[in-house]
Amino acid sequence: MGLYTFQRQFRTVSSEGYEIREDNQRIGRVDLHFAMENVYATIVLEIELEESEVAQIIEEIDDNLVVTASVKREDLNVWVYQGREVGFYTDEFLNEEFGDEEELGDELDPAEDAPSVR
């Protein structure tokens, strides 16, 4: 068994998202996107790791998550970031905190002030 474990958070037709855990503690997450012949992964680590440890995580993702998916895999392309979770937002939360979608959309729409494209 590998050093890291993966707890699935979501699954769609062409993507999956997992928490990355070490000793039952979350240390990051990985989102996998399955294209025709390539698999794209985005890893966000919440702790600082040596490059060899990052390579071990990638290897375990490839061996335990990518290989088990029923897609053809020519190449695995991986982006790795280090950061922390700021929050998890849903429509319901945003509507309760900031008003309905129309009001929120008006506040956040930068296209309103942009010149029109012809």
PDB file of N, CA and C in Angstrom:
ATOM      1  N   MET A   1       0.836  -1.184   0.000  1.00  0.00           N
ATOM      2  CA  MET A   1       0.000   0.000   0.000  1.00  0.00           C
ATOM      3  C   MET A   1       0.876   1.240   0.000  1.00  0.00           C
ATOM      4  N   GLY A   2       0.435   2.291  -0.692  1.00  0.00           N
ATOM      5  CA  GLY A   2       1.212   3.504  -0.818  1.00  0.00           C
ATOM      6  C   GLY A   2       1.203   4.349   0.444  1.00  0.00           C
ATOM      7  N   LEU A   3       2.045   5.336   0.433  1.00  0.00           N
ATOM      8  CA  LEU A   3       2.168   6.264   1.552  1.00  0.00           C
ATOM      9  C   LEU A   3       0.968   7.198   1.647  1.00  0.00           C
ATOM     10  N   TYR A   4       0.367   7.506   0.511  1.00  0.00           N
ATOM     11  CA  TYR A   4      -0.732   8.470   0.451  1.00  0.00           C
ATOM     12  C   TYR A   4      -2.034   7.756   0.112  1.00  0.00           C
ATOM     13  N   THR A   5      -3.135   8.297   0.616  1.00  0.00           N
ATOM     14  CA  THR A   5      -4.451   7.778   0.260  1.00  0.00           C
ATOM     15  C   THR A   5      -5.252   8.897  -0.388  1.00  0.00           C
ATOM     16  N   PHE A   6      -6.282   8.501  -1.126  1.00  0.00           N
ATOM     17  CA  PHE A   6      -7.082   9.457  -1.888  1.00  0.00           C
ATOM     18  C   PHE A   6      -8.553   9.221  -1.579  1.00  0.00           C
ATOM     19  N   GLN A   7      -9.228  10.277  -1.178  1.00  0.00           N
ATOM     20  CA  GLN A   7     -10.650  10.190  -0.855  1.00  0.00           C
ATOM     21  C   GLN A   7     -11.427  10.991  -1.894  1.00  0.00           C
ATOM     22  N   ARG A   8     -12.233  10.286  -2.695  1.00  0.00           N
ATOM     23  CA  ARG A   8     -12.945  10.954  -3.787  1.00  0.00           C
ATOM     24  C   ARG A   8     -13.974  11.939  -3.235  1.00  0.00           C
ATOM     25  N   GLN A   9     -13.991  13.143  -3.834  1.00  0.00           N
ATOM     26  CA  GLN A   9     -14.931  14.194  -3.469  1.00  0.00           C
ATOM     27  C   GLN A   9     -16.028  14.355  -4.512  1.00  0.00           C
ATOM     28  N   PHE A  10     -15.675  14.118  -5.783  1.00  0.00           N
ATOM     29  CA  PHE A  10     -16.675  14.201  -6.847  1.00  0.00           C
ATOM     30  C   PHE A  10     -16.219  13.392  -8.047  1.00  0.00           C
ATOM     31  N   ARG A  11     -17.191  13.095  -8.907  1.00  0.00           N
ATOM     32  CA  ARG A  11     -16.906  12.386 -10.156  1.00  0.00           C
ATOM     33  C   ARG A  11     -17.913  12.849 -11.193  1.00  0.00           C
ATOM     34  N   THR A  12     -17.414  13.183 -12.394  1.00  0.00           N
ATOM     35  CA  THR A  12     -18.271  13.510 -13.525  1.00  0.00           C
ATOM     36  C   THR A  12     -17.926  12.553 -14.658  1.00  0.00           C
ATOM     37  N   VAL A  13     -18.500  12.778 -15.812  1.00  0.00           N
ATOM     38  CA  VAL A  13     -18.219  11.921 -16.962  1.00  0.00           C
ATOM     39  C   VAL A  13     -16.740  11.969 -17.339  1.00  0.00           C
ATOM     40  N   SER A  14     -16.097  13.135 -17.198  1.00  0.00           N
ATOM     41  CA  SER A  14     -14.714  13.267 -17.658  1.00  0.00           C
ATOM     42  C   SER A  14     -13.754  13.815 -16.607  1.00  0.00           C
ATOM     43  N   SER A  15     -14.162  13.850 -15.332  1.00  0.00           N
ATOM     44  CA  SER A  15     -13.250  14.358 -14.309  1.00  0.00           C
ATOM     45  C   SER A  15     -13.561  13.749 -12.950  1.00  0.00           C
ATOM     46  N   GLU A  16     -12.570  13.833 -12.073  1.00  0.00           N
ATOM     47  CA  GLU A  16     -12.710  13.365 -10.697  1.00  0.00           C
ATOM     48  C   GLU A  16     -11.897  14.282  -9.803  1.00  0.00           C
ATOM     49  N   GLY A  17     -12.330  14.428  -8.557  1.00  0.00           N
ATOM     50  CA  GLY A  17     -11.595  15.222  -7.583  1.00  0.00           C
ATOM     51  C   GLY A  17     -11.402  14.427  -6.305  1.00  0.00           C
ATOM     52  N   TYR A  18     -10.210  14.514  -5.733  1.00  0.00           N
ATOM     53  CA  TYR A  18      -9.859  13.739  -4.544  1.00  0.00           C
ATOM     54  C   TYR A  18      -9.135  14.605  -3.522  1.00  0.00           C
ATOM     55  N   GLU A  19      -9.338  14.294  -2.245  1.00  0.00           N
ATOM     56  CA  GLU A  19      -8.453  14.780  -1.193  1.00  0.00           C
ATOM     57  C   GLU A  19      -7.236  13.871  -1.189  1.00  0.00           C
ATOM     58  N   ILE A  20      -6.076  14.457  -0.946  1.00  0.00           N
ATOM     59  CA  ILE A  20      -4.849  13.678  -0.769  1.00  0.00           C
ATOM     60  C   ILE A  20      -4.598  13.628   0.731  1.00  0.00           C
ATOM     61  N   ARG A  21      -4.427  12.412   1.270  1.00  0.00           N
ATOM     62  CA  ARG A  21      -4.268  12.251   2.708  1.00  0.00           C
ATOM     63  C   ARG A  21      -2.970  11.498   3.014  1.00  0.00           C
ATOM     64  N   GLU A  22      -2.350  11.911   4.105  1.00  0.00           N
ATOM     65  CA  GLU A  22      -1.171  11.222   4.629  1.00  0.00           C
ATOM     66  C   GLU A  22      -1.410  11.026   6.123  1.00  0.00           C
ATOM     67  N   ASP A  23      -1.336   9.792   6.582  1.00  0.00           N
ATOM     68  CA  ASP A  23      -1.610   9.483   7.999  1.00  0.00           C
ATOM     69  C   ASP A  23      -2.939  10.071   8.455  1.00  0.00           C
ATOM     70  N   ASN A  24      -3.972   9.914   7.642  1.00  0.00           N
ATOM     71  CA  ASN A  24      -5.336  10.362   7.944  1.00  0.00           C
ATOM     72  C   ASN A  24      -5.468  11.882   8.074  1.00  0.00           C
ATOM     73  N   GLN A  25      -4.498  12.631   7.567  1.00  0.00           N
ATOM     74  CA  GLN A  25      -4.568  14.095   7.573  1.00  0.00           C
ATOM     75  C   GLN A  25      -4.576  14.584   6.127  1.00  0.00           C
ATOM     76  N   ARG A  26      -5.484  15.511   5.826  1.00  0.00           N
ATOM     77  CA  ARG A  26      -5.522  16.064   4.474  1.00  0.00           C
ATOM     78  C   ARG A  26      -4.286  16.932   4.254  1.00  0.00           C
ATOM     79  N   ILE A  27      -3.584  16.661   3.149  1.00  0.00           N
ATOM     80  CA  ILE A  27      -2.408  17.463   2.812  1.00  0.00           C
ATOM     81  C   ILE A  27      -2.578  18.171   1.473  1.00  0.00           C
ATOM     82  N   GLY A  28      -3.701  17.917   0.801  1.00  0.00           N
ATOM     83  CA  GLY A  28      -3.929  18.574  -0.480  1.00  0.00           C
ATOM     84  C   GLY A  28      -5.099  17.961  -1.213  1.00  0.00           C
ATOM     85  N   ARG A  29      -5.207  18.327  -2.488  1.00  0.00           N
ATOM     86  CA  ARG A  29      -6.261  17.764  -3.333  1.00  0.00           C
ATOM     87  C   ARG A  29      -5.744  17.652  -4.757  1.00  0.00           C
ATOM     88  N   VAL A  30      -6.380  16.768  -5.511  1.00  0.00           N
ATOM     89  CA  VAL A  30      -6.044  16.600  -6.921  1.00  0.00           C
ATOM     90  C   VAL A  30      -7.336  16.557  -7.716  1.00  0.00           C
ATOM     91  N   ASP A  31      -7.360  17.288  -8.808  1.00  0.00           N
ATOM     92  CA  ASP A  31      -8.455  17.234  -9.769  1.00  0.00           C
ATOM     93  C   ASP A  31      -7.909  16.598 -11.037  1.00  0.00           C
ATOM     94  N   LEU A  32      -8.578  15.566 -11.511  1.00  0.00           N
ATOM     95  CA  LEU A  32      -8.185  14.848 -12.724  1.00  0.00           C
ATOM     96  C   LEU A  32      -9.194  15.120 -13.821  1.00  0.00           C
ATOM     97  N   HIS A  33      -8.685  15.393 -15.014  1.00  0.00           N
ATOM     98  CA  HIS A  33      -9.540  15.635 -16.176  1.00  0.00           C
ATOM     99  C   HIS A  33      -9.084  14.693 -17.286  1.00  0.00           C
ATOM    100  N   PHE A  34     -10.014  13.872 -17.754  1.00  0.00           N
ATOM    101  CA  PHE A  34      -9.707  12.847 -18.742  1.00  0.00           C
ATOM    102  C   PHE A  34     -10.106  13.338 -20.128  1.00  0.00           C
ATOM    103  N   ALA A  35      -9.104  13.536 -20.990  1.00  0.00           N
ATOM    104  CA  ALA A  35      -9.344  13.934 -22.377  1.00  0.00           C
ATOM    105  C   ALA A  35      -9.259  12.678 -23.248  1.00  0.00           C
ATOM    106  N   MET A  36      -9.234  12.873 -24.551  1.00  0.00           N
ATOM    107  CA  MET A  36      -9.237  11.722 -25.463  1.00  0.00           C
ATOM    108  C   MET A  36      -8.049  10.782 -25.229  1.00  0.00           C
ATOM    109  N   GLU A  37      -6.833  11.321 -25.184  1.00  0.00           N
ATOM    110  CA  GLU A  37      -5.655  10.477 -25.004  1.00  0.00           C
ATOM    111  C   GLU A  37      -4.766  10.928 -23.857  1.00  0.00           C
ATOM    112  N   ASN A  38      -5.053  12.069 -23.279  1.00  0.00           N
ATOM    113  CA  ASN A  38      -4.235  12.600 -22.199  1.00  0.00           C
ATOM    114  C   ASN A  38      -5.065  12.754 -20.937  1.00  0.00           C
ATOM    115  N   VAL A  39      -4.378  12.690 -19.818  1.00  0.00           N
ATOM    116  CA  VAL A  39      -4.999  12.966 -18.530  1.00  0.00           C
ATOM    117  C   VAL A  39      -4.300  14.194 -17.968  1.00  0.00           C
ATOM    118  N   TYR A  40      -5.092  15.151 -17.494  1.00  0.00           N
ATOM    119  CA  TYR A  40      -4.568  16.382 -16.923  1.00  0.00           C
ATOM    120  C   TYR A  40      -4.887  16.399 -15.437  1.00  0.00           C
ATOM    121  N   ALA A  41      -3.883  16.701 -14.620  1.00  0.00           N
ATOM    122  CA  ALA A  41      -4.068  16.730 -13.170  1.00  0.00           C
ATOM    123  C   ALA A  41      -3.607  18.075 -12.628  1.00  0.00           C
ATOM    124  N   THR A  42      -4.375  18.594 -11.687  1.00  0.00           N
ATOM    125  CA  THR A  42      -3.977  19.781 -10.935  1.00  0.00           C
ATOM    126  C   THR A  42      -3.924  19.372  -9.473  1.00  0.00           C
ATOM    127  N   ILE A  43      -2.743  19.511  -8.884  1.00  0.00           N
ATOM    128  CA  ILE A  43      -2.535  19.166  -7.478  1.00  0.00           C
ATOM    129  C   ILE A  43      -2.297  20.458  -6.708  1.00  0.00           C
ATOM    130  N   VAL A  44      -3.016  20.624  -5.611  1.00  0.00           N
ATOM    131  CA  VAL A  44      -2.775  21.741  -4.696  1.00  0.00           C
ATOM    132  C   VAL A  44      -2.382  21.125  -3.357  1.00  0.00           C
ATOM    133  N   LEU A  45      -1.152  21.385  -2.932  1.00  0.00           N
ATOM    134  CA  LEU A  45      -0.641  20.853  -1.673  1.00  0.00           C
ATOM    135  C   LEU A  45      -0.761  21.905  -0.582  1.00  0.00           C
ATOM    136  N   GLU A  46      -1.197  21.486   0.593  1.00  0.00           N
ATOM    137  CA  GLU A  46      -1.359  22.396   1.724  1.00  0.00           C
ATOM    138  C   GLU A  46      -0.130  22.425   2.618  1.00  0.00           C
ATOM    139  N   ILE A  47       0.832  21.563   2.336  1.00  0.00           N
ATOM    140  CA  ILE A  47       2.068  21.520   3.109  1.00  0.00           C
ATOM    141  C   ILE A  47       3.242  21.569   2.139  1.00  0.00           C
ATOM    142  N   GLU A  48       4.397  21.923   2.660  1.00  0.00           N
ATOM    143  CA  GLU A  48       5.598  21.968   1.834  1.00  0.00           C
ATOM    144  C   GLU A  48       6.204  20.568   1.766  1.00  0.00           C
ATOM    145  N   LEU A  49       6.509  20.120   0.556  1.00  0.00           N
ATOM    146  CA  LEU A  49       7.094  18.799   0.355  1.00  0.00           C
ATOM    147  C   LEU A  49       8.331  18.909  -0.521  1.00  0.00           C
ATOM    148  N   GLU A  50       9.232  17.950  -0.346  1.00  0.00           N
ATOM    149  CA  GLU A  50      10.395  17.844  -1.219  1.00  0.00           C
ATOM    150  C   GLU A  50       9.920  17.386  -2.599  1.00  0.00           C
ATOM    151  N   GLU A  51      10.711  17.684  -3.626  1.00  0.00           N
ATOM    152  CA  GLU A  51      10.338  17.291  -4.985  1.00  0.00           C
ATOM    153  C   GLU A  51      10.172  15.775  -5.108  1.00  0.00           C
ATOM    154  N   SER A  52      10.985  15.019  -4.382  1.00  0.00           N
ATOM    155  CA  SER A  52      10.855  13.554  -4.429  1.00  0.00           C
ATOM    156  C   SER A  52       9.522  13.100  -3.840  1.00  0.00           C
ATOM    157  N   GLU A  53       9.018  13.801  -2.828  1.00  0.00           N
ATOM    158  CA  GLU A  53       7.719  13.466  -2.239  1.00  0.00           C
ATOM    159  C   GLU A  53       6.583  13.818  -3.203  1.00  0.00           C
ATOM    160  N   VAL A  54       6.728  14.937  -3.915  1.00  0.00           N
ATOM    161  CA  VAL A  54       5.737  15.315  -4.928  1.00  0.00           C
ATOM    162  C   VAL A  54       5.715  14.258  -6.032  1.00  0.00           C
ATOM    163  N   ALA A  55       6.897  13.812  -6.447  1.00  0.00           N
ATOM    164  CA  ALA A  55       6.980  12.765  -7.475  1.00  0.00           C
ATOM    165  C   ALA A  55       6.305  11.481  -6.998  1.00  0.00           C
ATOM    166  N   GLN A  56       6.435  11.157  -5.709  1.00  0.00           N
ATOM    167  CA  GLN A  56       5.782   9.965  -5.149  1.00  0.00           C
ATOM    168  C   GLN A  56       4.260  10.104  -5.209  1.00  0.00           C
ATOM    169  N   ILE A  57       3.748  11.294  -4.887  1.00  0.00           N
ATOM    170  CA  ILE A  57       2.302  11.534  -4.970  1.00  0.00           C
ATOM    171  C   ILE A  57       1.823  11.355  -6.408  1.00  0.00           C
ATOM    172  N   ILE A  58       2.562  11.932  -7.356  1.00  0.00           N
ATOM    173  CA  ILE A  58       2.181  11.812  -8.769  1.00  0.00           C
ATOM    174  C   ILE A  58       2.177  10.347  -9.196  1.00  0.00           C
ATOM    175  N   GLU A  59       3.185   9.601  -8.782  1.00  0.00           N
ATOM    176  CA  GLU A  59       3.255   8.175  -9.126  1.00  0.00           C
ATOM    177  C   GLU A  59       2.063   7.414  -8.548  1.00  0.00           C
ATOM    178  N   GLU A  60       1.698   7.722  -7.304  1.00  0.00           N
ATOM    179  CA  GLU A  60       0.561   7.030  -6.686  1.00  0.00           C
ATOM    180  C   GLU A  60      -0.756   7.428  -7.347  1.00  0.00           C
ATOM    181  N   ILE A  61      -0.871   8.682  -7.761  1.00  0.00           N
ATOM    182  CA  ILE A  61      -2.066   9.113  -8.504  1.00  0.00           C
ATOM    183  C   ILE A  61      -2.160   8.339  -9.810  1.00  0.00           C
ATOM    184  N   ASP A  62      -1.031   8.230 -10.507  1.00  0.00           N
ATOM    185  CA  ASP A  62      -1.015   7.504 -11.780  1.00  0.00           C
ATOM    186  C   ASP A  62      -1.365   6.031 -11.569  1.00  0.00           C
ATOM    187  N   ASP A  63      -0.755   5.406 -10.567  1.00  0.00           N
ATOM    188  CA  ASP A  63      -0.962   3.975 -10.326  1.00  0.00           C
ATOM    189  C   ASP A  63      -2.342   3.650  -9.761  1.00  0.00           C
ATOM    190  N   ASN A  64      -2.882   4.515  -8.908  1.00  0.00           N
ATOM    191  CA  ASN A  64      -4.116   4.191  -8.186  1.00  0.00           C
ATOM    192  C   ASN A  64      -5.372   4.847  -8.744  1.00  0.00           C
ATOM    193  N   LEU A  65      -5.240   5.973  -9.417  1.00  0.00           N
ATOM    194  CA  LEU A  65      -6.421   6.692  -9.896  1.00  0.00           C
ATOM    195  C   LEU A  65      -6.521   6.715 -11.411  1.00  0.00           C
ATOM    196  N   VAL A  66      -5.428   7.051 -12.076  1.00  0.00           N
ATOM    197  CA  VAL A  66      -5.465   7.196 -13.534  1.00  0.00           C
ATOM    198  C   VAL A  66      -5.569   5.838 -14.211  1.00  0.00           C
ATOM    199  N   VAL A  67      -4.753   4.890 -13.807  1.00  0.00           N
ATOM    200  CA  VAL A  67      -4.730   3.574 -14.443  1.00  0.00           C
ATOM    201  C   VAL A  67      -6.063   2.854 -14.267  1.00  0.00           C
ATOM    202  N   THR A  68      -6.736   3.069 -13.156  1.00  0.00           N
ATOM    203  CA  THR A  68      -8.000   2.377 -12.909  1.00  0.00           C
ATOM    204  C   THR A  68      -9.163   2.984 -13.681  1.00  0.00           C
ATOM    205  N   ALA A  69      -8.995   4.184 -14.203  1.00  0.00           N
ATOM    206  CA  ALA A  69     -10.056   4.800 -15.013  1.00  0.00           C
ATOM    207  C   ALA A  69     -10.099   4.106 -16.370  1.00  0.00           C
ATOM    208  N   SER A  70     -11.273   4.035 -16.934  1.00  0.00           N
ATOM    209  CA  SER A  70     -11.417   3.327 -18.213  1.00  0.00           C
ATOM    210  C   SER A  70     -11.226   4.280 -19.390  1.00  0.00           C
ATOM    211  N   VAL A  71     -10.064   4.935 -19.414  1.00  0.00           N
ATOM    212  CA  VAL A  71      -9.723   5.830 -20.522  1.00  0.00           C
ATOM    213  C   VAL A  71      -8.337   5.470 -21.042  1.00  0.00           C
ATOM    214  N   LYS A  72      -8.127   5.761 -22.309  1.00  0.00           N
ATOM    215  CA  LYS A  72      -6.811   5.561 -22.906  1.00  0.00           C
ATOM    216  C   LYS A  72      -5.889   6.648 -22.362  1.00  0.00           C
ATOM    217  N   ARG A  73      -4.688   6.270 -21.966  1.00  0.00           N
ATOM    218  CA  ARG A  73      -3.768   7.233 -21.374  1.00  0.00           C
ATOM    219  C   ARG A  73      -2.453   7.236 -22.141  1.00  0.00           C
ATOM    220  N   GLU A  74      -2.259   8.256 -22.961  1.00  0.00           N
ATOM    221  CA  GLU A  74      -0.988   8.424 -23.663  1.00  0.00           C
ATOM    222  C   GLU A  74      -0.008   9.224 -22.808  1.00  0.00           C
ATOM    223  N   ASP A  75      -0.517  10.223 -22.083  1.00  0.00           N
ATOM    224  CA  ASP A  75       0.360  11.091 -21.305  1.00  0.00           C
ATOM    225  C   ASP A  75      -0.392  11.610 -20.093  1.00  0.00           C
ATOM    226  N   LEU A  76       0.324  11.802 -19.002  1.00  0.00           N
ATOM    227  CA  LEU A  76      -0.213  12.413 -17.793  1.00  0.00           C
ATOM    228  C   LEU A  76       0.474  13.760 -17.627  1.00  0.00           C
ATOM    229  N   ASN A  77      -0.306  14.831 -17.657  1.00  0.00           N
ATOM    230  CA  ASN A  77       0.211  16.191 -17.523  1.00  0.00           C
ATOM    231  C   ASN A  77      -0.226  16.724 -16.168  1.00  0.00           C
ATOM    232  N   VAL A  78       0.738  17.165 -15.345  1.00  0.00           N
ATOM    233  CA  VAL A  78       0.437  17.525 -13.961  1.00  0.00           C
ATOM    234  C   VAL A  78       0.948  18.925 -13.643  1.00  0.00           C
ATOM    235  N   TRP A  79       0.051  19.735 -13.080  1.00  0.00           N
ATOM    236  CA  TRP A  79       0.421  21.028 -12.514  1.00  0.00           C
ATOM    237  C   TRP A  79       0.373  20.871 -11.006  1.00  0.00           C
ATOM    238  N   VAL A  80       1.384  21.384 -10.298  1.00  0.00           N
ATOM    239  CA  VAL A  80       1.424  21.282  -8.841  1.00  0.00           C
ATOM    240  C   VAL A  80       1.543  22.684  -8.261  1.00  0.00           C
ATOM    241  N   TYR A  81       0.663  22.976  -7.305  1.00  0.00           N
ATOM    242  CA  TYR A  81       0.652  24.265  -6.617  1.00  0.00           C
ATOM    243  C   TYR A  81       0.733  24.009  -5.121  1.00  0.00           C
ATOM    244  N   GLN A  82       1.218  25.017  -4.402  1.00  0.00           N
ATOM    245  CA  GLN A  82       1.201  24.953  -2.948  1.00  0.00           C
ATOM    246  C   GLN A  82       0.348  26.101  -2.449  1.00  0.00           C
ATOM    247  N   GLY A  83      -0.585  25.810  -1.569  1.00  0.00           N
ATOM    248  CA  GLY A  83      -1.471  26.846  -1.050  1.00  0.00           C
ATOM    249  C   GLY A  83      -2.319  26.305   0.075  1.00  0.00           C
ATOM    250  N   ARG A  84      -3.355  27.059   0.402  1.00  0.00           N
ATOM    251  CA  ARG A  84      -4.253  26.629   1.469  1.00  0.00           C
ATOM    252  C   ARG A  84      -5.686  26.885   1.040  1.00  0.00           C
ATOM    253  N   GLU A  85      -6.593  26.145   1.625  1.00  0.00           N
ATOM    254  CA  GLU A  85      -8.004  26.328   1.312  1.00  0.00           C
ATOM    255  C   GLU A  85      -8.495  27.606   1.978  1.00  0.00           C
ATOM    256  N   VAL A  86      -9.153  28.431   1.204  1.00  0.00           N
ATOM    257  CA  VAL A  86      -9.721  29.676   1.715  1.00  0.00           C
ATOM    258  C   VAL A  86     -11.176  29.459   2.100  1.00  0.00           C
ATOM    259  N   GLY A  87     -11.876  28.623   1.369  1.00  0.00           N
ATOM    260  CA  GLY A  87     -13.273  28.350   1.672  1.00  0.00           C
ATOM    261  C   GLY A  87     -13.888  27.474   0.612  1.00  0.00           C
ATOM    262  N   PHE A  88     -15.102  27.033   0.893  1.00  0.00           N
ATOM    263  CA  PHE A  88     -15.889  26.253  -0.055  1.00  0.00           C
ATOM    264  C   PHE A  88     -17.203  26.994  -0.220  1.00  0.00           C
ATOM    265  N   TYR A  89     -17.522  27.408  -1.429  1.00  0.00           N
ATOM    266  CA  TYR A  89     -18.664  28.276  -1.676  1.00  0.00           C
ATOM    267  C   TYR A  89     -19.701  27.569  -2.532  1.00  0.00           C
ATOM    268  N   THR A  90     -20.957  27.771  -2.193  1.00  0.00           N
ATOM    269  CA  THR A  90     -22.072  27.243  -2.965  1.00  0.00           C
ATOM    270  C   THR A  90     -22.975  28.403  -3.358  1.00  0.00           C
ATOM    271  N   ASP A  91     -23.866  28.178  -4.321  1.00  0.00           N
ATOM    272  CA  ASP A  91     -24.838  29.211  -4.693  1.00  0.00           C
ATOM    273  C   ASP A  91     -25.655  29.636  -3.482  1.00  0.00           C
ATOM    274  N   GLU A  92     -26.089  28.660  -2.691  1.00  0.00           N
ATOM    275  CA  GLU A  92     -26.917  28.960  -1.517  1.00  0.00           C
ATOM    276  C   GLU A  92     -26.182  29.894  -0.553  1.00  0.00           C
ATOM    277  N   PHE A  93     -24.920  29.589  -0.255  1.00  0.00           N
ATOM    278  CA  PHE A  93     -24.141  30.435   0.650  1.00  0.00           C
ATOM    279  C   PHE A  93     -23.983  31.843   0.088  1.00  0.00           C
ATOM    280  N   LEU A  94     -23.605  31.936  -1.187  1.00  0.00           N
ATOM    281  CA  LEU A  94     -23.394  33.250  -1.793  1.00  0.00           C
ATOM    282  C   LEU A  94     -24.678  34.061  -1.812  1.00  0.00           C
ATOM    283  N   ASN A  95     -25.805  33.415  -2.113  1.00  0.00           N
ATOM    284  CA  ASN A  95     -27.086  34.122  -2.121  1.00  0.00           C
ATOM    285  C   ASN A  95     -27.462  34.608  -0.731  1.00  0.00           C
ATOM    286  N   GLU A  96     -27.234  33.782   0.290  1.00  0.00           N
ATOM    287  CA  GLU A  96     -27.546  34.185   1.660  1.00  0.00           C
ATOM    288  C   GLU A  96     -26.649  35.324   2.123  1.00  0.00           C
ATOM    289  N   GLU A  97     -25.379  35.260   1.780  1.00  0.00           N
ATOM    290  CA  GLU A  97     -24.418  36.259   2.245  1.00  0.00           C
ATOM    291  C   GLU A  97     -24.444  37.549   1.436  1.00  0.00           C
ATOM    292  N   PHE A  98     -24.672  37.445   0.129  1.00  0.00           N
ATOM    293  CA  PHE A  98     -24.497  38.603  -0.743  1.00  0.00           C
ATOM    294  C   PHE A  98     -25.726  38.946  -1.573  1.00  0.00           C
ATOM    295  N   GLY A  99     -26.838  38.295  -1.355  1.00  0.00           N
ATOM    296  CA  GLY A  99     -28.041  38.596  -2.119  1.00  0.00           C
ATOM    297  C   GLY A  99     -28.246  37.616  -3.245  1.00  0.00           C
ATOM    298  N   ASP A 100     -29.296  37.882  -4.036  1.00  0.00           N
ATOM    299  CA  ASP A 100     -29.611  36.944  -5.110  1.00  0.00           C
ATOM    300  C   ASP A 100     -28.604  37.043  -6.243  1.00  0.00           C
ATOM    301  N   GLU A 101     -28.700  36.096  -7.169  1.00  0.00           N
ATOM    302  CA  GLU A 101     -27.729  35.995  -8.264  1.00  0.00           C
ATOM    303  C   GLU A 101     -27.692  37.244  -9.125  1.00  0.00           C
ATOM    304  N   GLU A 102     -28.840  37.854  -9.375  1.00  0.00           N
ATOM    305  CA  GLU A 102     -28.876  39.034 -10.229  1.00  0.00           C
ATOM    306  C   GLU A 102     -28.100  40.183  -9.596  1.00  0.00           C
ATOM    307  N   GLU A 103     -28.314  40.418  -8.288  1.00  0.00           N
ATOM    308  CA  GLU A 103     -27.583  41.474  -7.598  1.00  0.00           C
ATOM    309  C   GLU A 103     -26.096  41.164  -7.562  1.00  0.00           C
ATOM    310  N   LEU A 104     -25.742  39.932  -7.229  1.00  0.00           N
ATOM    311  CA  LEU A 104     -24.348  39.530  -7.160  1.00  0.00           C
ATOM    312  C   LEU A 104     -23.697  39.640  -8.529  1.00  0.00           C
ATOM    313  N   GLY A 105     -24.391  39.207  -9.565  1.00  0.00           N
ATOM    314  CA  GLY A 105     -23.859  39.284 -10.922  1.00  0.00           C
ATOM    315  C   GLY A 105     -23.571  40.709 -11.340  1.00  0.00           C
ATOM    316  N   ASP A 106     -24.444  41.654 -10.959  1.00  0.00           N
ATOM    317  CA  ASP A 106     -24.228  43.057 -11.301  1.00  0.00           C
ATOM    318  C   ASP A 106     -22.961  43.589 -10.653  1.00  0.00           C
ATOM    319  N   GLU A 107     -22.708  43.195  -9.416  1.00  0.00           N
ATOM    320  CA  GLU A 107     -21.529  43.670  -8.704  1.00  0.00           C
ATOM    321  C   GLU A 107     -20.246  43.088  -9.276  1.00  0.00           C
ATOM    322  N   LEU A 108     -20.302  41.878  -9.795  1.00  0.00           N
ATOM    323  CA  LEU A 108     -19.098  41.178 -10.222  1.00  0.00           C
ATOM    324  C   LEU A 108     -18.867  41.192 -11.726  1.00  0.00           C
ATOM    325  N   ASP A 109     -19.721  41.841 -12.505  1.00  0.00           N
ATOM    326  CA  ASP A 109     -19.627  41.784 -13.959  1.00  0.00           C
ATOM    327  C   ASP A 109     -18.703  42.874 -14.488  1.00  0.00           C
ATOM    328  N   PRO A 110     -17.428  42.548 -14.797  1.00  0.00           N
ATOM    329  CA  PRO A 110     -16.500  43.551 -15.307  1.00  0.00           C
ATOM    330  C   PRO A 110     -16.821  43.956 -16.745  1.00  0.00           C
ATOM    331  N   ALA A 111     -17.598  43.154 -17.442  1.00  0.00           N
ATOM    332  CA  ALA A 111     -17.918  43.459 -18.840  1.00  0.00           C
ATOM    333  C   ALA A 111     -18.800  44.690 -18.956  1.00  0.00           C
ATOM    334  N   GLU A 112     -19.462  45.053 -17.875  1.00  0.00           N
ATOM    335  CA  GLU A 112     -20.360  46.199 -17.902  1.00  0.00           C
ATOM    336  C   GLU A 112     -19.612  47.485 -18.263  1.00  0.00           C
ATOM    337  N   ASP A 113     -18.384  47.630 -17.763  1.00  0.00           N
ATOM    338  CA  ASP A 113     -17.600  48.834 -18.012  1.00  0.00           C
ATOM    339  C   ASP A 113     -16.661  48.690 -19.202  1.00  0.00           C
ATOM    340  N   ALA A 114     -16.585  47.511 -19.773  1.00  0.00           N
ATOM    341  CA  ALA A 114     -15.666  47.272 -20.884  1.00  0.00           C
ATOM    342  C   ALA A 114     -16.276  47.772 -22.189  1.00  0.00           C
ATOM    343  N   PRO A 115     -15.422  48.227 -23.114  1.00  0.00           N
ATOM    344  CA  PRO A 115     -15.945  48.651 -24.415  1.00  0.00           C
ATOM    345  C   PRO A 115     -16.508  47.459 -25.173  1.00  0.00           C
ATOM    346  N   SER A 116     -17.499  47.705 -26.000  1.00  0.00           N
ATOM    347  CA  SER A 116     -18.104  46.612 -26.752  1.00  0.00           C
ATOM    348  C   SER A 116     -17.174  46.155 -27.863  1.00  0.00           C
ATOM    349  N   VAL A 117     -17.256  44.882 -28.185  1.00  0.00           N
ATOM    350  CA  VAL A 117     -16.441  44.288 -29.244  1.00  0.00           C
ATOM    351  C   VAL A 117     -17.275  44.280 -30.510  1.00  0.00           C
ATOM    352  N   ARG A 118     -16.678  44.719 -31.606  1.00  0.00           N
ATOM    353  CA  ARG A 118     -17.410  44.764 -32.879  1.00  0.00           C
ATOM    354  C   ARG A 118     -16.861  43.774 -33.851  1.00  0.00           C
TER     355      ARG A 118
END
